[in-house]
Protein backbone atom coordinates (compact mmCIF):
# COMPACT_ATOMS: atom_id res chain seq x y z
CA MET A 1 -35.51 22.12 -9.09
CA SER A 2 -33.53 23.42 -7.47
CA PHE A 3 -32.10 26.76 -8.32
CA GLN A 4 -29.25 26.93 -6.58
CA ALA A 5 -28.19 23.51 -7.72
CA MET A 6 -28.67 24.73 -11.33
CA ALA A 7 -27.01 27.77 -10.76
CA TRP A 8 -23.89 26.01 -9.72
CA ALA A 9 -24.01 24.05 -12.46
CA VAL A 10 -23.84 26.39 -15.07
CA LYS A 11 -20.63 27.77 -13.53
CA GLN A 12 -18.74 24.58 -14.02
CA GLU A 13 -16.32 23.71 -16.24
CA THR A 14 -16.57 20.71 -18.03
CA ASP A 15 -15.03 18.46 -20.85
CA SER A 16 -17.80 18.61 -23.52
CA PRO A 17 -20.74 19.78 -24.06
CA LEU A 18 -22.37 16.23 -23.10
CA SER A 19 -20.84 16.69 -19.83
CA LYS A 20 -22.43 19.93 -19.28
CA LEU A 21 -25.93 18.74 -20.22
CA ILE A 22 -25.46 15.46 -18.22
CA LEU A 23 -24.97 17.62 -14.79
CA LEU A 24 -27.45 20.25 -16.14
CA MET A 25 -30.28 17.28 -16.15
CA ILE A 26 -29.12 15.88 -13.05
CA ALA A 27 -29.39 20.11 -11.07
CA ASN A 28 -32.28 19.84 -12.62
CA TYR A 29 -33.89 16.89 -10.14
CA ALA A 30 -32.04 17.89 -6.99
CA ASP A 31 -34.71 18.44 -4.33
CA GLU A 32 -33.49 20.36 -0.94
CA LYS A 33 -35.31 17.63 0.97
């Protein structure tokens, strides 16, 4: 998990809660490689 990706995702404005959830799920799997 990338802390930077999660922090960025939390700050983003989305149209719906589902969009935010998907963004957070993708950020959770982000890898710094």
